[in-house]
């Protein structure tokens, strides 16, 4: 596998993995590689620094295995991803899947459609959802933020909701 830093015509930078340099070249020529942010297929290699390890600063193999690739979020209390999660992240970032751009566009369309038909209530989401459920206000679409505790309480009370689809640019 070979990793390339890539940049699209809209200056979005991302990393992608390829089986070989030849496969990368073939996919670029066939417009298979797309930007995960804007879905354009006008993509080139970005300037990359070589990955050089120096023996005296190198961690032991065991230390490297024990170090998470992504630090856990302090706010969410989430655990660091395991090796399988890291492998999945590499797969999801790899360019070249024929449906990647189509899926990104569909996700963006769904996200925009939901937002256009709902009111943003910010951190009052749980309170507003409860008012709608209890018929205190006219039923209407809302979106916003809720803490884990608020979400659990809503579910406990039988109030159904679902998260908005996450867009690729929201993950950067």
N, C-alpha and C. Protein backbone atom coordinates (compact mmCIF):
# COMPACT_ATOMS: atom_id res chain seq x y z
N UNK A 1 0.85 -1.18 0.00
CA UNK A 1 0.00 0.00 0.00
C UNK A 1 0.89 1.24 0.00
N UNK A 2 0.39 2.26 -0.67
CA UNK A 2 1.11 3.53 -0.71
C UNK A 2 0.13 4.64 -0.35
N UNK A 3 0.61 5.58 0.45
CA UNK A 3 -0.22 6.68 0.92
C UNK A 3 0.20 7.95 0.19
N UNK A 4 -0.80 8.69 -0.31
CA UNK A 4 -0.53 9.97 -0.94
C UNK A 4 -1.32 11.07 -0.25
N UNK A 5 -0.70 12.23 -0.11
CA UNK A 5 -1.43 13.43 0.29
C UNK A 5 -1.94 14.02 -1.01
N UNK A 6 -3.23 14.29 -1.06
CA UNK A 6 -3.85 14.79 -2.28
C UNK A 6 -4.51 16.13 -2.03
N UNK A 7 -4.74 16.86 -3.12
CA UNK A 7 -5.42 18.15 -3.03
C UNK A 7 -6.31 18.27 -4.26
N UNK A 8 -7.53 18.79 -4.06
CA UNK A 8 -8.45 18.94 -5.19
C UNK A 8 -8.38 20.37 -5.73
N UNK A 9 -9.10 20.60 -6.80
CA UNK A 9 -9.09 21.92 -7.42
C UNK A 9 -9.63 23.01 -6.50
N UNK A 10 -10.41 22.61 -5.49
CA UNK A 10 -10.96 23.56 -4.52
C UNK A 10 -10.08 23.69 -3.28
N UNK A 11 -8.88 23.13 -3.36
CA UNK A 11 -7.83 23.22 -2.34
C UNK A 11 -8.15 22.44 -1.06
N UNK A 12 -9.03 21.43 -1.16
CA UNK A 12 -9.27 20.54 -0.02
C UNK A 12 -8.15 19.51 -0.01
N UNK A 13 -7.51 19.35 1.14
CA UNK A 13 -6.42 18.38 1.26
C UNK A 13 -6.95 17.12 1.94
N UNK A 14 -6.49 15.96 1.48
CA UNK A 14 -6.88 14.70 2.10
C UNK A 14 -5.83 13.65 1.80
N UNK A 15 -5.91 12.55 2.53
CA UNK A 15 -4.97 11.45 2.38
C UNK A 15 -5.70 10.26 1.80
N UNK A 16 -5.05 9.54 0.91
CA UNK A 16 -5.66 8.34 0.33
C UNK A 16 -4.60 7.26 0.19
N UNK A 17 -5.06 6.02 0.28
CA UNK A 17 -4.18 4.86 0.17
C UNK A 17 -4.48 4.14 -1.14
N UNK A 18 -3.41 3.65 -1.78
CA UNK A 18 -3.55 2.92 -3.03
C UNK A 18 -2.70 1.66 -2.98
N UNK A 19 -3.09 0.68 -3.76
CA UNK A 19 -2.36 -0.58 -3.80
C UNK A 19 -0.94 -0.36 -4.32
N UNK A 20 -0.80 0.54 -5.28
CA UNK A 20 0.52 0.84 -5.85
C UNK A 20 0.47 2.19 -6.54
N UNK A 21 1.63 2.69 -6.92
CA UNK A 21 1.70 3.95 -7.66
C UNK A 21 1.01 3.80 -9.01
N UNK A 22 1.14 2.63 -9.61
CA UNK A 22 0.50 2.36 -10.90
C UNK A 22 -1.03 2.44 -10.77
N UNK A 23 -1.57 1.85 -9.71
CA UNK A 23 -3.02 1.90 -9.49
C UNK A 23 -3.47 3.35 -9.29
N UNK A 24 -2.69 4.13 -8.54
CA UNK A 24 -3.02 5.54 -8.36
C UNK A 24 -3.09 6.25 -9.71
N UNK A 25 -2.05 6.07 -10.53
CA UNK A 25 -2.01 6.72 -11.85
C UNK A 25 -3.22 6.33 -12.70
N UNK A 26 -3.57 5.04 -12.70
CA UNK A 26 -4.72 4.57 -13.48
C UNK A 26 -6.01 5.21 -12.99
N UNK A 27 -6.17 5.30 -11.67
CA UNK A 27 -7.40 5.86 -11.13
C UNK A 27 -7.50 7.37 -11.39
N UNK A 28 -6.38 8.06 -11.37
CA UNK A 28 -6.38 9.49 -11.69
C UNK A 28 -6.78 9.70 -13.15
N UNK A 29 -6.18 8.92 -14.04
CA UNK A 29 -6.48 9.04 -15.47
C UNK A 29 -7.96 8.76 -15.75
N UNK A 30 -8.54 7.80 -15.03
CA UNK A 30 -9.93 7.41 -15.24
C UNK A 30 -10.92 8.21 -14.38
N UNK A 31 -10.44 9.28 -13.74
CA UNK A 31 -11.29 10.15 -12.90
C UNK A 31 -12.03 9.39 -11.81
N UNK A 32 -11.38 8.40 -11.23
CA UNK A 32 -11.99 7.61 -10.15
C UNK A 32 -11.74 8.26 -8.80
N UNK A 33 -10.62 8.93 -8.63
CA UNK A 33 -10.27 9.55 -7.36
C UNK A 33 -11.07 10.84 -7.22
N UNK A 34 -11.80 10.96 -6.10
CA UNK A 34 -12.62 12.14 -5.86
C UNK A 34 -12.33 12.71 -4.48
N UNK A 35 -12.55 14.00 -4.35
CA UNK A 35 -12.37 14.68 -3.07
C UNK A 35 -13.51 14.28 -2.13
N UNK A 36 -13.20 13.86 -0.91
CA UNK A 36 -14.26 13.48 0.03
C UNK A 36 -15.06 14.67 0.54
N UNK A 37 -14.59 15.88 0.31
CA UNK A 37 -15.30 17.06 0.78
C UNK A 37 -16.27 17.58 -0.28
N UNK A 38 -15.78 17.81 -1.49
CA UNK A 38 -16.62 18.43 -2.52
C UNK A 38 -16.94 17.50 -3.69
N UNK A 39 -16.39 16.30 -3.69
CA UNK A 39 -16.68 15.26 -4.68
C UNK A 39 -16.15 15.56 -6.08
N UNK A 40 -15.29 16.54 -6.23
CA UNK A 40 -14.71 16.79 -7.54
C UNK A 40 -13.68 15.70 -7.85
N UNK A 41 -13.52 15.41 -9.15
CA UNK A 41 -12.51 14.42 -9.52
C UNK A 41 -11.26 15.10 -10.08
N UNK A 42 -11.16 16.39 -9.93
CA UNK A 42 -9.96 17.14 -10.33
C UNK A 42 -9.00 17.14 -9.13
N UNK A 43 -8.21 16.08 -9.04
CA UNK A 43 -7.36 15.82 -7.88
C UNK A 43 -5.92 15.63 -8.32
N UNK A 44 -4.98 16.16 -7.56
CA UNK A 44 -3.54 15.98 -7.81
C UNK A 44 -2.83 15.64 -6.51
N UNK A 45 -1.60 15.15 -6.65
CA UNK A 45 -0.78 14.91 -5.47
C UNK A 45 -0.42 16.26 -4.85
N UNK A 46 -0.45 16.31 -3.53
CA UNK A 46 -0.01 17.50 -2.81
C UNK A 46 1.46 17.32 -2.44
N UNK A 47 2.09 18.39 -2.08
CA UNK A 47 3.47 18.32 -1.63
C UNK A 47 3.53 17.50 -0.35
N UNK A 48 4.41 16.50 -0.32
CA UNK A 48 4.50 15.61 0.84
C UNK A 48 5.92 15.60 1.38
N UNK A 49 6.02 15.50 2.69
CA UNK A 49 7.32 15.31 3.33
C UNK A 49 7.56 13.81 3.43
N UNK A 50 8.77 13.38 3.18
CA UNK A 50 9.03 11.94 3.27
C UNK A 50 8.90 11.46 4.71
N UNK A 51 8.48 10.23 4.86
CA UNK A 51 8.34 9.62 6.19
C UNK A 51 9.65 8.93 6.52
N UNK A 52 10.49 9.61 7.30
CA UNK A 52 11.81 9.09 7.63
C UNK A 52 11.87 8.88 9.13
N UNK A 53 12.27 7.68 9.54
CA UNK A 53 12.41 7.43 10.98
C UNK A 53 13.88 7.50 11.35
N UNK A 54 14.13 8.04 12.53
CA UNK A 54 15.50 8.13 13.03
C UNK A 54 15.62 7.17 14.20
N UNK A 55 16.62 6.34 14.17
CA UNK A 55 16.76 5.24 15.13
C UNK A 55 16.77 5.73 16.58
N UNK A 56 17.45 6.83 16.90
CA UNK A 56 17.55 7.21 18.31
C UNK A 56 16.26 7.82 18.83
N UNK A 57 15.36 8.28 17.95
CA UNK A 57 14.10 8.86 18.39
C UNK A 57 12.93 7.91 18.19
N UNK A 58 13.20 6.76 17.64
CA UNK A 58 12.14 5.82 17.30
C UNK A 58 11.62 5.12 18.55
N UNK A 59 10.28 5.04 18.67
CA UNK A 59 9.68 4.31 19.78
C UNK A 59 9.84 2.82 19.53
N UNK A 60 9.76 2.07 20.59
CA UNK A 60 9.79 0.62 20.42
C UNK A 60 8.52 0.19 19.70
N UNK A 61 8.56 -0.99 19.07
CA UNK A 61 7.40 -1.50 18.35
C UNK A 61 6.19 -1.61 19.27
N UNK A 62 6.41 -2.04 20.51
CA UNK A 62 5.29 -2.20 21.44
C UNK A 62 4.67 -0.85 21.79
N UNK A 63 5.51 0.19 21.99
CA UNK A 63 4.98 1.51 22.31
C UNK A 63 4.15 2.04 21.15
N UNK A 64 4.61 1.81 19.92
CA UNK A 64 3.87 2.27 18.76
C UNK A 64 2.53 1.56 18.65
N UNK A 65 2.48 0.27 18.96
CA UNK A 65 1.22 -0.47 18.90
C UNK A 65 0.25 0.01 19.97
N UNK A 66 0.79 0.42 21.13
CA UNK A 66 -0.07 0.84 22.23
C UNK A 66 -0.54 2.28 22.09
N UNK A 67 0.07 3.05 21.22
CA UNK A 67 -0.29 4.45 21.05
C UNK A 67 -1.44 4.54 20.06
N UNK A 68 -2.58 5.15 20.47
CA UNK A 68 -3.71 5.23 19.54
C UNK A 68 -3.38 6.15 18.37
N UNK A 69 -3.92 5.82 17.20
CA UNK A 69 -3.71 6.65 16.02
C UNK A 69 -4.43 7.97 16.16
N UNK A 70 -5.57 7.95 16.85
CA UNK A 70 -6.35 9.15 17.07
C UNK A 70 -6.56 9.28 18.57
N UNK A 71 -6.24 10.41 19.19
CA UNK A 71 -6.45 10.53 20.63
C UNK A 71 -7.93 10.53 20.95
N UNK A 72 -8.32 10.00 22.12
CA UNK A 72 -9.73 10.01 22.48
C UNK A 72 -10.22 11.43 22.70
N UNK A 73 -11.47 11.67 22.39
CA UNK A 73 -12.07 12.99 22.59
C UNK A 73 -12.23 13.26 24.07
N UNK A 74 -11.78 14.40 24.53
CA UNK A 74 -11.90 14.73 25.95
C UNK A 74 -13.35 15.04 26.30
N UNK A 75 -14.07 15.66 25.37
CA UNK A 75 -15.45 16.04 25.66
C UNK A 75 -16.37 14.83 25.70
N UNK A 76 -16.23 13.92 24.76
CA UNK A 76 -17.17 12.82 24.66
C UNK A 76 -16.80 11.66 25.56
N UNK A 77 -15.55 11.62 26.03
CA UNK A 77 -15.12 10.48 26.83
C UNK A 77 -15.00 9.23 25.98
N UNK A 78 -14.92 9.39 24.67
CA UNK A 78 -14.86 8.24 23.77
C UNK A 78 -13.52 7.54 23.91
N UNK A 79 -13.54 6.25 23.66
CA UNK A 79 -12.31 5.46 23.69
C UNK A 79 -11.58 5.64 22.37
N UNK A 80 -10.28 5.48 22.41
CA UNK A 80 -9.49 5.55 21.19
C UNK A 80 -9.86 4.36 20.32
N UNK A 81 -9.88 4.54 18.99
CA UNK A 81 -10.23 3.44 18.11
C UNK A 81 -9.23 2.29 18.23
N UNK A 82 -9.71 1.08 18.04
CA UNK A 82 -8.81 -0.07 18.04
C UNK A 82 -8.24 -0.25 16.64
N UNK A 83 -7.42 -1.28 16.46
CA UNK A 83 -6.78 -1.49 15.15
C UNK A 83 -7.81 -1.65 14.04
N UNK A 84 -8.91 -2.34 14.33
CA UNK A 84 -9.93 -2.53 13.30
C UNK A 84 -10.53 -1.19 12.91
N UNK A 85 -10.77 -0.30 13.90
CA UNK A 85 -11.29 1.03 13.60
C UNK A 85 -10.32 1.81 12.73
N UNK A 86 -9.02 1.71 13.04
CA UNK A 86 -8.01 2.41 12.24
C UNK A 86 -7.99 1.89 10.81
N UNK A 87 -8.09 0.56 10.66
CA UNK A 87 -8.11 -0.02 9.32
C UNK A 87 -9.34 0.45 8.55
N UNK A 88 -10.48 0.53 9.23
CA UNK A 88 -11.70 1.00 8.58
C UNK A 88 -11.56 2.46 8.17
N UNK A 89 -10.92 3.28 9.03
CA UNK A 89 -10.71 4.68 8.70
C UNK A 89 -9.86 4.80 7.44
N UNK A 90 -8.84 3.96 7.31
CA UNK A 90 -8.00 3.99 6.12
C UNK A 90 -8.81 3.63 4.89
N UNK A 91 -9.68 2.65 5.02
CA UNK A 91 -10.51 2.23 3.89
C UNK A 91 -11.45 3.36 3.50
N UNK A 92 -12.07 4.00 4.50
CA UNK A 92 -13.04 5.03 4.17
C UNK A 92 -12.37 6.26 3.56
N UNK A 93 -11.09 6.49 3.87
CA UNK A 93 -10.38 7.62 3.28
C UNK A 93 -9.78 7.29 1.93
N UNK A 94 -9.69 6.02 1.62
CA UNK A 94 -9.06 5.67 0.36
C UNK A 94 -9.93 6.11 -0.80
N UNK A 95 -9.31 6.73 -1.74
CA UNK A 95 -10.05 7.20 -2.90
C UNK A 95 -10.19 6.05 -3.87
N UNK A 96 -11.10 6.21 -4.79
CA UNK A 96 -11.18 5.25 -5.86
C UNK A 96 -12.42 4.39 -5.86
N UNK A 97 -13.19 4.37 -4.79
CA UNK A 97 -14.42 3.59 -4.83
C UNK A 97 -15.38 4.29 -5.76
N UNK A 98 -15.93 3.58 -6.74
CA UNK A 98 -16.76 4.23 -7.75
C UNK A 98 -18.00 4.95 -7.19
N UNK A 99 -18.52 4.50 -6.06
CA UNK A 99 -19.73 5.11 -5.52
C UNK A 99 -19.44 6.20 -4.49
N UNK A 100 -18.19 6.48 -4.21
CA UNK A 100 -17.84 7.43 -3.15
C UNK A 100 -18.42 8.82 -3.41
N UNK A 101 -18.22 9.35 -4.59
CA UNK A 101 -18.71 10.70 -4.90
C UNK A 101 -20.23 10.72 -4.91
N UNK A 102 -20.84 9.67 -5.45
CA UNK A 102 -22.30 9.60 -5.50
C UNK A 102 -22.87 9.55 -4.08
N UNK A 103 -22.25 8.78 -3.21
CA UNK A 103 -22.71 8.67 -1.83
C UNK A 103 -22.54 10.01 -1.10
N UNK A 104 -21.43 10.68 -1.32
CA UNK A 104 -21.20 11.98 -0.67
C UNK A 104 -22.24 13.00 -1.13
N UNK A 105 -22.56 13.00 -2.42
CA UNK A 105 -23.58 13.93 -2.93
C UNK A 105 -24.95 13.61 -2.34
N UNK A 106 -25.30 12.31 -2.27
CA UNK A 106 -26.60 11.91 -1.72
C UNK A 106 -26.71 12.30 -0.25
N UNK A 107 -25.63 12.10 0.49
CA UNK A 107 -25.61 12.45 1.91
C UNK A 107 -25.78 13.96 2.09
N UNK A 108 -25.08 14.72 1.27
CA UNK A 108 -25.17 16.18 1.34
C UNK A 108 -26.60 16.65 0.98
N UNK A 109 -27.21 16.03 -0.04
CA UNK A 109 -28.57 16.38 -0.44
C UNK A 109 -29.56 16.08 0.68
N UNK A 110 -29.44 14.90 1.29
CA UNK A 110 -30.32 14.53 2.40
C UNK A 110 -30.16 15.51 3.57
N UNK A 111 -28.93 15.80 3.91
CA UNK A 111 -28.63 16.73 5.01
C UNK A 111 -29.27 18.09 4.73
N UNK A 112 -29.07 18.62 3.53
CA UNK A 112 -29.60 19.94 3.17
C UNK A 112 -31.13 19.93 3.17
N UNK A 113 -31.72 18.84 2.70
CA UNK A 113 -33.18 18.74 2.66
C UNK A 113 -33.76 18.74 4.07
N UNK A 114 -33.16 18.00 4.97
CA UNK A 114 -33.64 17.95 6.36
C UNK A 114 -33.54 19.34 6.98
N UNK A 115 -32.40 19.99 6.82
CA UNK A 115 -32.20 21.31 7.42
C UNK A 115 -33.15 22.35 6.84
N UNK A 116 -33.45 22.26 5.54
CA UNK A 116 -34.33 23.25 4.92
C UNK A 116 -35.78 23.11 5.40
N UNK A 117 -36.13 21.95 5.93
CA UNK A 117 -37.51 21.72 6.37
C UNK A 117 -37.65 21.69 7.89
N UNK A 118 -36.64 22.16 8.61
CA UNK A 118 -36.67 22.11 10.07
C UNK A 118 -36.11 23.40 10.65
N UNK A 119 -36.42 23.62 11.91
CA UNK A 119 -35.93 24.80 12.62
C UNK A 119 -34.75 24.41 13.50
N UNK A 120 -33.71 25.23 13.47
CA UNK A 120 -32.55 24.99 14.33
C UNK A 120 -32.87 25.51 15.73
N UNK A 121 -32.76 24.62 16.73
CA UNK A 121 -33.08 25.01 18.11
C UNK A 121 -31.85 24.97 19.01
N UNK A 122 -30.69 24.69 18.44
CA UNK A 122 -29.44 24.70 19.20
C UNK A 122 -29.44 23.72 20.35
N UNK A 123 -28.94 24.19 21.51
CA UNK A 123 -28.83 23.29 22.66
C UNK A 123 -30.17 23.09 23.39
N UNK A 124 -31.24 23.65 22.85
CA UNK A 124 -32.57 23.46 23.43
C UNK A 124 -33.30 22.29 22.76
N UNK A 125 -32.57 21.45 22.03
CA UNK A 125 -33.19 20.37 21.27
C UNK A 125 -34.05 19.46 22.15
N UNK A 126 -33.51 19.00 23.26
CA UNK A 126 -34.25 18.06 24.12
C UNK A 126 -35.54 18.71 24.64
N UNK A 127 -35.44 19.94 25.08
CA UNK A 127 -36.62 20.65 25.60
C UNK A 127 -37.68 20.82 24.52
N UNK A 128 -37.26 21.24 23.32
CA UNK A 128 -38.20 21.45 22.22
C UNK A 128 -38.81 20.14 21.74
N UNK A 129 -38.01 19.09 21.68
CA UNK A 129 -38.53 17.77 21.27
C UNK A 129 -39.58 17.29 22.27
N UNK A 130 -39.34 17.53 23.53
CA UNK A 130 -40.30 17.13 24.58
C UNK A 130 -41.60 17.94 24.45
N UNK A 131 -41.50 19.25 24.14
CA UNK A 131 -42.70 20.07 23.95
C UNK A 131 -43.54 19.55 22.78
N UNK A 132 -42.87 19.18 21.69
CA UNK A 132 -43.59 18.65 20.53
C UNK A 132 -44.25 17.33 20.90
N UNK A 133 -43.52 16.47 21.58
CA UNK A 133 -44.04 15.16 21.98
C UNK A 133 -45.24 15.30 22.93
N UNK A 134 -45.19 16.28 23.83
CA UNK A 134 -46.26 16.49 24.81
C UNK A 134 -47.38 17.38 24.27
N UNK A 135 -47.34 17.69 22.96
CA UNK A 135 -48.37 18.49 22.28
C UNK A 135 -48.50 19.90 22.86
N UNK A 136 -47.42 20.43 23.40
CA UNK A 136 -47.43 21.80 23.92
C UNK A 136 -47.26 22.81 22.79
N UNK A 137 -46.67 22.37 21.69
CA UNK A 137 -46.50 23.21 20.51
C UNK A 137 -46.89 22.40 19.28
N UNK A 138 -47.16 23.11 18.20
CA UNK A 138 -47.52 22.46 16.94
C UNK A 138 -46.36 21.59 16.46
N UNK A 139 -46.64 20.37 16.01
CA UNK A 139 -45.55 19.50 15.52
C UNK A 139 -44.84 20.13 14.31
N UNK A 140 -43.54 20.14 14.36
CA UNK A 140 -42.71 20.65 13.26
C UNK A 140 -41.32 20.05 13.39
N UNK A 141 -40.58 20.08 12.31
CA UNK A 141 -39.22 19.53 12.30
C UNK A 141 -38.26 20.45 13.04
N UNK A 142 -37.40 19.85 13.84
CA UNK A 142 -36.37 20.62 14.54
C UNK A 142 -35.05 19.87 14.44
N UNK A 143 -33.97 20.59 14.61
CA UNK A 143 -32.65 19.97 14.75
C UNK A 143 -31.81 20.85 15.65
N UNK A 144 -30.85 20.22 16.30
CA UNK A 144 -29.99 20.94 17.23
C UNK A 144 -29.07 19.97 17.93
N UNK A 145 -28.64 20.33 19.13
CA UNK A 145 -27.70 19.50 19.88
C UNK A 145 -28.35 19.04 21.18
N UNK A 146 -27.93 17.87 21.62
CA UNK A 146 -28.37 17.33 22.91
C UNK A 146 -27.19 16.60 23.54
N UNK A 147 -27.13 16.64 24.86
CA UNK A 147 -26.08 15.88 25.54
C UNK A 147 -26.46 14.40 25.51
N UNK A 148 -25.52 13.56 25.85
CA UNK A 148 -25.78 12.12 25.92
C UNK A 148 -26.90 11.84 26.91
N UNK A 149 -26.87 12.53 28.04
CA UNK A 149 -27.89 12.33 29.07
C UNK A 149 -29.27 12.76 28.57
N UNK A 150 -29.33 13.90 27.88
CA UNK A 150 -30.61 14.37 27.34
C UNK A 150 -31.15 13.39 26.31
N UNK A 151 -30.28 12.90 25.44
CA UNK A 151 -30.71 11.94 24.42
C UNK A 151 -31.23 10.66 25.06
N UNK A 152 -30.54 10.18 26.08
CA UNK A 152 -30.98 8.96 26.78
C UNK A 152 -32.34 9.19 27.44
N UNK A 153 -32.54 10.35 28.02
CA UNK A 153 -33.81 10.67 28.67
C UNK A 153 -34.95 10.72 27.65
N UNK A 154 -34.70 11.32 26.49
CA UNK A 154 -35.72 11.36 25.44
C UNK A 154 -36.11 9.95 25.02
N UNK A 155 -35.12 9.11 24.79
CA UNK A 155 -35.39 7.73 24.38
C UNK A 155 -36.15 6.98 25.47
N UNK A 156 -35.77 7.19 26.71
CA UNK A 156 -36.44 6.55 27.85
C UNK A 156 -37.92 6.91 27.90
N UNK A 157 -38.22 8.14 27.52
CA UNK A 157 -39.60 8.63 27.54
C UNK A 157 -40.35 8.33 26.24
N UNK A 158 -39.72 7.57 25.34
CA UNK A 158 -40.38 7.18 24.10
C UNK A 158 -40.41 8.27 23.04
N UNK A 159 -39.56 9.25 23.17
CA UNK A 159 -39.50 10.34 22.20
C UNK A 159 -38.46 9.96 21.15
N UNK A 160 -38.94 9.74 19.93
CA UNK A 160 -38.04 9.28 18.87
C UNK A 160 -37.36 10.46 18.18
N UNK A 161 -36.12 10.25 17.83
CA UNK A 161 -35.33 11.23 17.09
C UNK A 161 -34.19 10.48 16.44
N UNK A 162 -33.50 11.14 15.54
CA UNK A 162 -32.32 10.53 14.92
C UNK A 162 -31.31 11.61 14.59
N UNK A 163 -30.03 11.24 14.59
CA UNK A 163 -29.00 12.24 14.27
C UNK A 163 -29.02 12.58 12.79
N UNK A 164 -28.63 13.80 12.49
CA UNK A 164 -28.46 14.20 11.10
C UNK A 164 -27.28 13.43 10.52
N UNK A 165 -27.32 13.12 9.23
CA UNK A 165 -26.15 12.47 8.63
C UNK A 165 -24.94 13.40 8.70
N UNK A 166 -23.79 12.83 9.02
CA UNK A 166 -22.56 13.60 9.14
C UNK A 166 -21.94 13.76 7.76
N UNK A 167 -21.63 14.98 7.39
CA UNK A 167 -21.02 15.26 6.10
C UNK A 167 -19.51 15.12 6.21
N UNK A 168 -18.86 14.75 5.11
CA UNK A 168 -17.40 14.57 5.17
C UNK A 168 -16.67 15.79 5.69
N UNK A 169 -17.09 16.99 5.30
CA UNK A 169 -16.38 18.20 5.74
C UNK A 169 -16.57 18.46 7.23
N UNK A 170 -17.59 17.87 7.85
CA UNK A 170 -17.79 18.05 9.29
C UNK A 170 -16.84 17.18 10.10
N UNK A 171 -16.17 16.25 9.45
CA UNK A 171 -15.25 15.36 10.15
C UNK A 171 -13.83 15.88 10.13
N UNK A 172 -13.59 16.99 9.49
CA UNK A 172 -12.24 17.54 9.40
C UNK A 172 -12.02 18.57 10.46
